[in-house]
Amino acid sequence: MKRFLFCLPGVFLIGSPLPAAGPAGREAPDPNYREAARIAASLDDSTLASQVIRSGVDGKSGLDADMRRILADCPPGAIILFRYNLDSPRDKARAFIGECRDLTASAVAAKAGGTAIPPFIAADHEGGQVHRFGPGIGRLPAAASWGERAELEGSAAALAALEEAAYESGAEIRDLGLTLVLGPVAEPLNDDNRLFLEDRGFSAEPGFTAEAAAAYIRGMERAGLGCVAKHFPGNSGADPHRGVSVLSGSREALALAAQPFAALISGGAPHVTGIMVSHALVPAWDAERIGSLSPALIGRWLRGDLGFGGIVLADDFSMAASRANPEEAAVMSLAAGADMVMAWPSGLRKLRGAILAALEQGTLSRRRLEEAAARIIAEKIRLGIVPPSSGWQAD
């Protein structure tokens, strides 16, 4: 198997393409993945490079001419929306989301011989302080409140209420056109990460955290949304927007802290569309590279030991924790095994260009990009975002 080397000053990253695997992890690729792999292989380099990017967009009542040109030229695999995009009445937010989706899907079709691949429409949606929506969309309770409710009413009652609340909230945002939720936070709260997460985690107990994350995902899935559990394997006290968080401890201790992620993966139900890898430094696995840049953490632990076959997403590399140029870091992350990296509107073309340059230089393989895009497209087929081809049915 061909290996490749990607270098930054003082940083050396060796990676290789992972064996093709679908959303079933260690199992044989399912029909969704096989069809998605066929679609990914048919894309030209530029369209393929765009498909592994989730990008923000400017505007909320409509896309201006410049933003329309950017999306038409570089249609991303996902569009992530923030409060400044969604702070509008429901009908206007729905129309804006539809414009983003339809323009991007049409742009892919124009570049890919008629194959329309709508983007995921994503938003952080955890409840409490992490609420991106405007008037008319209810705010979910903070994650930590469900742990508190379990202490008062019992776990079964709290988990049932959480699943129903997630379903009701998911139905509201699915009606707007959202298809992917960046949530829940599956890290158990502890004295260290609480400084950063505050009330964004469900509980200090790994077992209840796993059950709560599963209940949240079940509710969202019932409403037709995929979910991205975050931030594997966890965070420490430092806010990654401002500096590097270090997760110390042995691999055994870290495995206990990451138990909710392992439970979600091994359980098989509910289905986890993606896992976001944190920007934390995890010396027990990689003393030099943060998790989102580490082939050991992504490839050996998350993919290998835990058997995760879904989409691995990297967080925003404009955060201080990445300690590298955002475009270079994103390419490093893809080489390390991540499937989707983030851009802001003004940097979308620049990131696509960096990925294409890495392909041309041989520091990132076409096979690695096809694998990443196939995982993304397979989830879109499963969720009904991309229709299956004639002759077979999606799961």
Protein backbone atom coordinates (compact mmCIF):
# COMPACT_ATOMS: atom_id res chain seq x y z
CA MET A 1 0.00 0.00 0.00
CA LYS A 2 1.37 3.36 -1.00
CA ARG A 3 2.37 5.62 1.88
CA PHE A 4 2.74 9.38 1.80
CA LEU A 5 4.40 12.06 3.83
CA PHE A 6 3.06 15.49 4.67
CA CYS A 7 5.38 17.98 6.37
CA LEU A 8 5.10 21.30 8.09
CA PRO A 9 8.02 23.01 9.78
CA GLY A 10 8.79 20.91 12.82
CA VAL A 11 5.89 18.51 12.16
CA PHE A 12 6.09 15.18 10.32
CA LEU A 13 2.98 13.23 9.53
CA ILE A 14 3.06 9.81 7.94
CA GLY A 15 -0.23 8.31 6.89
CA SER A 16 -1.70 5.75 4.56
CA PRO A 17 -5.15 5.17 3.15
CA LEU A 18 -7.36 3.14 5.45
CA PRO A 19 -9.01 -0.03 4.16
CA ALA A 20 -12.32 0.79 2.55
CA ALA A 21 -15.02 0.45 5.17
CA GLY A 22 -18.57 1.64 5.27
CA PRO A 23 -20.71 2.95 8.10
CA ALA A 24 -20.74 -0.56 9.63
CA GLY A 25 -17.16 -0.18 10.90
CA ARG A 26 -15.34 -3.49 10.75
CA GLU A 27 -18.13 -5.15 8.78
CA ALA A 28 -18.21 -5.37 4.98
CA PRO A 29 -19.32 -2.17 3.25
CA ASP A 30 -23.11 -1.92 3.00
CA PRO A 31 -24.98 -1.09 -0.23
CA ASN A 32 -25.10 2.60 0.69
CA TYR A 33 -21.33 2.76 0.96
CA ARG A 34 -20.75 0.79 -2.23
CA GLU A 35 -22.99 3.16 -4.17
CA ALA A 36 -21.38 6.17 -2.47
CA ALA A 37 -17.91 4.88 -3.38
CA ARG A 38 -18.99 4.60 -7.02
CA ILE A 39 -20.23 8.21 -6.95
CA ALA A 40 -17.07 9.48 -5.24
CA ALA A 41 -14.84 7.72 -7.77
CA SER A 42 -16.72 9.42 -10.62
CA LEU A 43 -16.03 12.96 -9.36
CA ASP A 44 -13.22 15.07 -10.74
CA ASP A 45 -10.53 16.21 -8.32
CA SER A 46 -11.99 19.69 -7.78
CA THR A 47 -15.50 18.44 -7.00
CA LEU A 48 -14.11 15.65 -4.82
CA ALA A 49 -12.01 18.13 -2.84
CA SER A 50 -15.06 20.32 -2.24
CA GLN A 51 -17.10 17.38 -0.92
CA VAL A 52 -14.88 16.90 2.14
CA ILE A 53 -15.39 20.50 3.29
CA ARG A 54 -18.12 21.87 5.53
CA SER A 55 -18.32 25.60 5.10
CA GLY A 56 -20.03 28.52 6.68
CA VAL A 57 -21.94 30.94 4.48
CA ASP A 58 -22.63 34.67 4.66
CA GLY A 59 -26.17 36.00 4.87
CA LYS A 60 -29.52 35.08 6.40
CA SER A 61 -32.27 36.53 4.22
CA GLY A 62 -30.53 35.43 1.05
CA LEU A 63 -27.17 34.81 -0.57
CA ASP A 64 -25.48 37.81 -2.14
CA ALA A 65 -23.89 37.56 -5.60
CA ASP A 66 -20.41 36.90 -4.24
CA MET A 67 -21.54 34.08 -1.96
CA ARG A 68 -23.51 32.53 -4.80
CA ARG A 69 -20.42 32.58 -7.01
CA ILE A 70 -18.33 30.95 -4.26
CA LEU A 71 -20.83 28.12 -3.73
CA ALA A 72 -21.29 27.61 -7.47
CA ASP A 73 -17.53 27.34 -7.97
CA CYS A 74 -16.79 25.33 -4.84
CA PRO A 75 -19.92 23.44 -3.68
CA PRO A 76 -19.08 22.02 -0.23
CA GLY A 77 -20.21 18.68 1.14
CA ALA A 78 -21.80 20.42 4.12
CA ILE A 79 -22.96 23.93 4.99
CA ILE A 80 -22.77 24.86 8.66
CA LEU A 81 -25.10 27.60 9.86
CA PHE A 82 -24.75 29.87 12.87
CA ARG A 83 -26.97 32.26 14.76
CA TYR A 84 -26.19 35.09 12.34
CA ASN A 85 -27.59 32.91 9.51
CA LEU A 86 -30.68 31.72 11.37
CA ASP A 87 -31.86 34.72 13.39
CA SER A 88 -34.95 35.16 11.22
CA PRO A 89 -38.59 34.09 11.30
CA ARG A 90 -39.11 30.45 10.35
CA ASP A 91 -40.32 31.05 6.79
CA LYS A 92 -37.33 33.25 5.96
CA ALA A 93 -34.87 30.83 7.56
CA ARG A 94 -36.46 27.95 5.60
CA ALA A 95 -36.18 29.88 2.34
CA PHE A 96 -32.55 30.77 3.00
CA ILE A 97 -31.64 27.17 3.80
CA GLY A 98 -33.40 26.02 0.65
CA GLU A 99 -31.46 28.52 -1.44
CA CYS A 100 -28.15 27.30 0.01
CA ARG A 101 -29.07 23.64 -0.51
CA ASP A 102 -30.44 23.96 -4.03
CA LEU A 103 -27.63 26.15 -5.35
CA THR A 104 -24.98 23.81 -3.97
CA ALA A 105 -26.67 20.65 -5.25
CA SER A 106 -27.09 22.18 -8.72
CA ALA A 107 -23.46 23.23 -8.78
CA VAL A 108 -22.34 19.66 -8.05
CA ALA A 109 -24.66 18.33 -10.76
CA ALA A 110 -23.19 20.77 -13.29
CA LYS A 111 -19.68 19.57 -12.46
CA ALA A 112 -20.47 15.86 -12.07
CA GLY A 113 -22.44 14.98 -15.18
CA GLY A 114 -25.85 15.46 -13.62
CA THR A 115 -25.14 13.77 -10.27
CA ALA A 116 -26.75 16.09 -7.73
CA ILE A 117 -25.27 15.77 -4.24
CA PRO A 118 -27.04 18.15 -1.85
CA PRO A 119 -24.92 19.31 1.08
CA PHE A 120 -25.57 18.41 4.66
CA ILE A 121 -27.19 21.45 6.27
CA ALA A 122 -25.68 21.46 9.74
CA ALA A 123 -25.73 23.43 12.97
CA ASP A 124 -24.44 23.01 16.50
CA HIS A 125 -27.53 22.06 18.48
CA GLU A 126 -26.92 20.93 22.04
CA GLY A 127 -29.43 22.87 24.10
CA GLY A 128 -28.78 25.44 26.78
CA GLN A 129 -26.21 28.00 25.71
CA VAL A 130 -25.60 26.29 22.32
CA HIS A 131 -28.73 27.33 20.42
CA ARG A 132 -28.33 28.79 16.92
CA PHE A 133 -31.93 29.42 15.94
CA GLY A 134 -34.11 32.48 15.78
CA PRO A 135 -37.77 33.13 16.68
CA GLY A 136 -40.13 30.18 16.75
CA ILE A 137 -37.62 27.41 17.40
CA GLY A 138 -37.63 26.15 20.98
CA ARG A 139 -34.43 25.89 22.99
CA LEU A 140 -33.56 22.45 24.36
CA PRO A 141 -32.61 22.32 28.05
CA ALA A 142 -28.89 22.31 28.78
CA ALA A 143 -27.34 18.83 28.63
CA ALA A 144 -26.37 18.87 32.32
CA SER A 145 -30.00 19.36 33.31
CA TRP A 146 -30.80 15.81 32.16
CA GLY A 147 -28.29 14.38 34.61
CA GLU A 148 -29.83 16.48 37.35
CA ARG A 149 -33.29 15.28 36.33
CA ALA A 150 -32.11 11.66 36.49
CA GLU A 151 -31.05 12.17 40.11
CA LEU A 152 -34.54 13.43 40.96
CA GLU A 153 -36.77 11.22 38.79
CA GLY A 154 -34.58 8.25 37.93
CA SER A 155 -32.59 7.53 34.78
CA ALA A 156 -35.39 5.84 32.85
CA ALA A 157 -37.75 8.80 33.16
CA ALA A 158 -35.06 11.35 32.36
CA LEU A 159 -33.85 9.42 29.29
CA ALA A 160 -37.39 8.98 27.95
CA ALA A 161 -38.03 12.70 28.36
CA LEU A 162 -34.70 13.54 26.71
CA GLU A 163 -35.45 11.38 23.67
CA GLU A 164 -38.86 12.95 23.25
CA ALA A 165 -37.48 16.48 23.63
CA ALA A 166 -34.80 15.71 21.04
CA TYR A 167 -37.42 14.35 18.66
CA GLU A 168 -39.65 17.40 19.03
CA SER A 169 -36.73 19.79 18.61
CA GLY A 170 -35.39 17.75 15.71
CA ALA A 171 -38.75 17.87 13.94
CA GLU A 172 -38.75 21.68 14.22
CA ILE A 173 -35.29 22.12 12.73
CA ARG A 174 -35.76 19.37 10.13
CA ASP A 175 -38.78 21.34 8.93
CA LEU A 176 -36.44 24.28 8.33
CA GLY A 177 -34.18 22.08 6.17
CA LEU A 178 -31.50 21.02 8.66
CA THR A 179 -30.18 17.50 8.07
CA LEU A 180 -27.16 17.21 10.38
CA VAL A 181 -26.81 18.12 14.05
CA LEU A 182 -23.37 18.75 15.53
CA GLY A 183 -24.24 17.21 18.87
CA PRO A 184 -24.53 15.74 21.39
CA VAL A 185 -21.45 16.27 23.53
CA ALA A 186 -20.54 12.73 24.61
CA GLU A 187 -17.75 13.65 27.02
CA PRO A 188 -18.45 12.91 30.69
CA LEU A 189 -18.13 16.06 32.76
CA ASN A 190 -15.21 16.19 35.16
CA ASP A 191 -13.40 18.77 37.25
CA ASP A 192 -11.06 19.52 34.37
CA ASN A 193 -13.24 19.82 31.27
CA ARG A 194 -16.10 21.47 33.20
CA LEU A 195 -14.14 24.73 33.02
CA PHE A 196 -14.55 24.63 29.24
CA LEU A 197 -17.80 22.69 28.75
CA GLU A 198 -19.74 24.16 31.69
CA ASP A 199 -23.25 22.66 31.31
CA ARG A 200 -22.73 21.15 27.84
CA GLY A 201 -22.09 17.62 29.15
CA PHE A 202 -24.80 15.31 30.45
CA SER A 203 -23.16 13.93 33.58
CA ALA A 204 -19.94 13.01 35.35
CA GLU A 205 -20.96 9.35 35.01
CA PRO A 206 -19.71 7.76 31.76
CA GLY A 207 -22.57 5.25 31.80
CA PHE A 208 -25.34 7.85 32.03
CA THR A 209 -23.52 10.08 29.54
CA ALA A 210 -23.53 7.21 27.02
CA GLU A 211 -27.23 6.52 27.62
CA ALA A 212 -28.15 10.20 27.37
CA ALA A 213 -26.17 10.66 24.16
CA ALA A 214 -27.93 7.62 22.70
CA ALA A 215 -31.35 8.95 23.73
CA TYR A 216 -30.59 12.32 22.13
CA ILE A 217 -29.47 10.65 18.89
CA ARG A 218 -32.52 8.37 18.81
CA GLY A 219 -34.80 11.39 19.05
CA MET A 220 -32.99 13.31 16.34
CA GLU A 221 -32.86 10.24 14.07
CA ARG A 222 -36.61 9.77 14.45
CA ALA A 223 -36.97 13.33 13.16
CA GLY A 224 -34.75 12.54 10.15
CA LEU A 225 -31.47 14.12 11.26
CA GLY A 226 -28.01 12.64 11.49
CA CYS A 227 -25.95 13.37 14.61
CA VAL A 228 -22.27 14.03 15.25
CA ALA A 229 -21.08 13.06 18.73
CA LYS A 230 -18.29 15.27 20.05
CA HIS A 231 -15.49 15.83 21.02
CA PHE A 232 -13.56 12.54 20.91
CA PRO A 233 -11.80 11.56 23.13
CA GLY A 234 -12.49 14.61 25.31
CA ASN A 235 -11.22 18.02 26.37
CA SER A 236 -9.31 19.43 29.28
CA GLY A 237 -9.73 22.76 31.01
CA ALA A 238 -8.28 24.95 28.26
CA ASP A 239 -10.69 26.38 25.71
CA PRO A 240 -9.35 25.17 22.31
CA HIS A 241 -10.40 28.50 20.80
CA ARG A 242 -7.65 30.08 22.93
CA GLY A 243 -5.00 27.41 23.49
CA VAL A 244 -4.05 23.76 23.61
CA SER A 245 -5.95 21.41 25.88
CA VAL A 246 -3.86 18.46 27.15
CA LEU A 247 -5.46 15.14 28.11
CA SER A 248 -2.97 13.40 30.37
CA GLY A 249 -3.23 9.90 31.72
CA SER A 250 -2.65 6.37 30.48
CA ARG A 251 -4.44 4.80 27.55
CA GLU A 252 -6.48 2.78 30.02
CA ALA A 253 -7.62 5.90 31.89
CA LEU A 254 -8.41 7.66 28.63
CA ALA A 255 -10.44 4.68 27.43
CA LEU A 256 -12.62 4.99 30.52
CA ALA A 257 -13.20 8.68 29.84
CA ALA A 258 -14.04 7.90 26.20
CA GLN A 259 -16.41 5.07 27.15
CA PRO A 260 -19.54 6.91 25.92
CA PHE A 261 -18.07 7.09 22.41
CA ALA A 262 -17.14 3.41 22.54
CA ALA A 263 -20.65 2.52 23.70
CA LEU A 264 -22.27 4.50 20.88
CA ILE A 265 -20.04 2.80 18.30
CA SER A 266 -20.33 -0.75 19.60
CA GLY A 267 -24.04 -0.54 20.29
CA GLY A 268 -24.92 -0.13 16.61
CA ALA A 269 -28.22 1.55 17.50
CA PRO A 270 -28.85 4.39 17.43
CA HIS A 271 -26.77 5.05 14.34
CA VAL A 272 -24.04 7.65 14.80
CA THR A 273 -23.51 9.60 11.58
CA GLY A 274 -20.24 11.17 12.68
CA ILE A 275 -17.78 11.77 15.47
CA MET A 276 -15.95 15.06 15.86
CA VAL A 277 -12.37 14.75 17.06
CA SER A 278 -11.15 17.31 19.55
CA HIS A 279 -8.14 19.58 19.21
CA ALA A 280 -6.78 18.23 22.50
CA LEU A 281 -3.24 16.91 22.75
CA VAL A 282 -3.33 13.29 23.97
CA PRO A 283 0.28 12.32 24.81
CA ALA A 284 -0.56 8.68 25.56
CA TRP A 285 -1.49 8.33 21.89
CA ASP A 286 0.52 11.09 20.21
CA ALA A 287 2.88 13.40 22.05
CA GLU A 288 3.36 15.78 19.09
CA ARG A 289 0.06 16.20 17.26
CA ILE A 290 -3.35 17.22 18.58
CA GLY A 291 -6.07 14.61 18.16
CA SER A 292 -7.57 16.09 15.00
CA LEU A 293 -4.14 15.80 13.31
CA SER A 294 -3.13 12.43 14.70
CA PRO A 295 -3.22 9.25 12.59
CA ALA A 296 -2.63 7.28 15.78
CA LEU A 297 -5.68 8.69 17.52
CA ILE A 298 -7.95 8.66 14.45
CA GLY A 299 -6.69 5.61 12.62
CA ARG A 300 -5.51 3.30 15.37
CA TRP A 301 -7.83 4.19 18.26
CA LEU A 302 -11.07 5.53 16.77
CA ARG A 303 -11.08 3.52 13.53
CA GLY A 304 -9.05 0.49 14.58
CA ASP A 305 -9.64 -0.26 18.26
CA LEU A 306 -13.19 1.12 18.44
CA GLY A 307 -14.19 0.15 14.90
CA PHE A 308 -15.88 3.40 13.91
CA GLY A 309 -16.79 3.44 10.21
CA GLY A 310 -18.79 6.65 9.98
CA ILE A 311 -17.69 10.20 9.22
CA VAL A 312 -14.82 11.62 11.25
CA LEU A 313 -15.06 15.41 11.42
CA ALA A 314 -12.35 17.82 12.47
CA ASP A 315 -13.22 20.97 14.38
CA ASP A 316 -12.40 24.46 13.14
CA PHE A 317 -8.65 24.83 12.53
CA SER A 318 -8.79 28.59 12.93
CA MET A 319 -8.86 27.88 16.68
CA ALA A 320 -5.62 28.62 18.48
CA ALA A 321 -5.24 24.97 19.52
CA SER A 322 -4.31 23.85 15.99
CA ARG A 323 -1.09 25.91 16.07
CA ALA A 324 -0.85 25.81 12.26
CA ASN A 325 -2.09 27.57 9.17
CA PRO A 326 -5.77 26.52 8.89
CA GLU A 327 -5.47 25.22 5.32
CA GLU A 328 -2.28 23.27 6.05
CA ALA A 329 -3.81 21.85 9.21
CA ALA A 330 -6.95 20.78 7.34
CA VAL A 331 -4.89 18.90 4.76
CA MET A 332 -2.92 17.26 7.56
CA SER A 333 -6.18 16.22 9.20
CA LEU A 334 -7.48 14.63 6.00
CA ALA A 335 -4.19 12.78 5.61
CA ALA A 336 -4.46 11.58 9.21
CA GLY A 337 -7.87 10.04 8.51
CA ALA A 338 -10.48 12.77 9.04
CA ASP A 339 -13.23 12.83 6.43
CA MET A 340 -14.53 16.40 6.70
CA VAL A 341 -12.77 19.64 7.55
CA MET A 342 -14.12 23.15 8.06
CA ALA A 343 -13.79 26.42 6.18
CA TRP A 344 -15.22 29.88 6.65
CA PRO A 345 -16.83 31.53 3.60
CA SER A 346 -13.83 33.67 2.70
CA GLY A 347 -11.51 30.67 2.94
CA LEU A 348 -13.56 28.05 1.08
CA ARG A 349 -11.77 28.40 -2.26
CA LYS A 350 -8.42 28.64 -0.49
CA LEU A 351 -8.98 25.36 1.36
CA ARG A 352 -10.15 23.61 -1.80
CA GLY A 353 -6.98 24.89 -3.47
CA ALA A 354 -4.79 23.55 -0.66
CA ILE A 355 -6.39 20.12 -0.98
CA LEU A 356 -5.86 20.13 -4.76
CA ALA A 357 -2.24 21.21 -4.31
CA ALA A 358 -1.66 18.34 -1.89
CA LEU A 359 -3.16 15.92 -4.43
CA GLU A 360 -0.90 17.26 -7.17
CA GLN A 361 2.18 17.07 -4.95
CA GLY A 362 1.35 13.54 -3.81
CA THR A 363 1.14 14.50 -0.14
CA LEU A 364 -2.54 13.51 -0.08
CA SER A 365 -3.83 10.57 -2.08
CA ARG A 366 -6.88 10.50 -4.33
CA ARG A 367 -7.84 7.23 -2.64
CA ARG A 368 -7.93 8.92 0.79
CA LEU A 369 -10.24 11.64 -0.56
CA GLU A 370 -12.51 9.13 -2.29
CA GLU A 371 -12.79 7.17 0.95
CA ALA A 372 -13.70 10.32 2.89
CA ALA A 373 -16.26 11.47 0.33
CA ALA A 374 -17.78 7.98 0.13
CA ARG A 375 -18.42 7.96 3.88
CA ILE A 376 -20.10 11.36 3.60
CA ILE A 377 -22.24 10.40 0.60
CA ALA A 378 -23.19 7.05 2.16
CA GLU A 379 -24.71 8.88 5.13
CA LYS A 380 -26.56 11.20 2.77
CA ILE A 381 -28.04 8.17 1.01
CA ARG A 382 -29.05 6.63 4.35
CA LEU A 383 -30.79 9.84 5.42
CA GLY A 384 -32.50 10.32 2.08
CA ILE A 385 -30.52 13.44 1.16
CA VAL A 386 -29.03 11.76 -1.91
CA PRO A 387 -31.52 9.46 -3.65
CA PRO A 388 -30.32 5.91 -4.36
CA SER A 389 -29.66 4.96 -7.95
CA SER A 390 -32.19 2.81 -9.78
CA GLY A 391 -32.06 -0.88 -9.07
CA TRP A 392 -31.42 -0.84 -5.35
CA GLN A 393 -32.81 0.73 -2.20
CA ALA A 394 -31.08 2.62 0.57
CA ASP A 395 -31.23 1.17 4.08
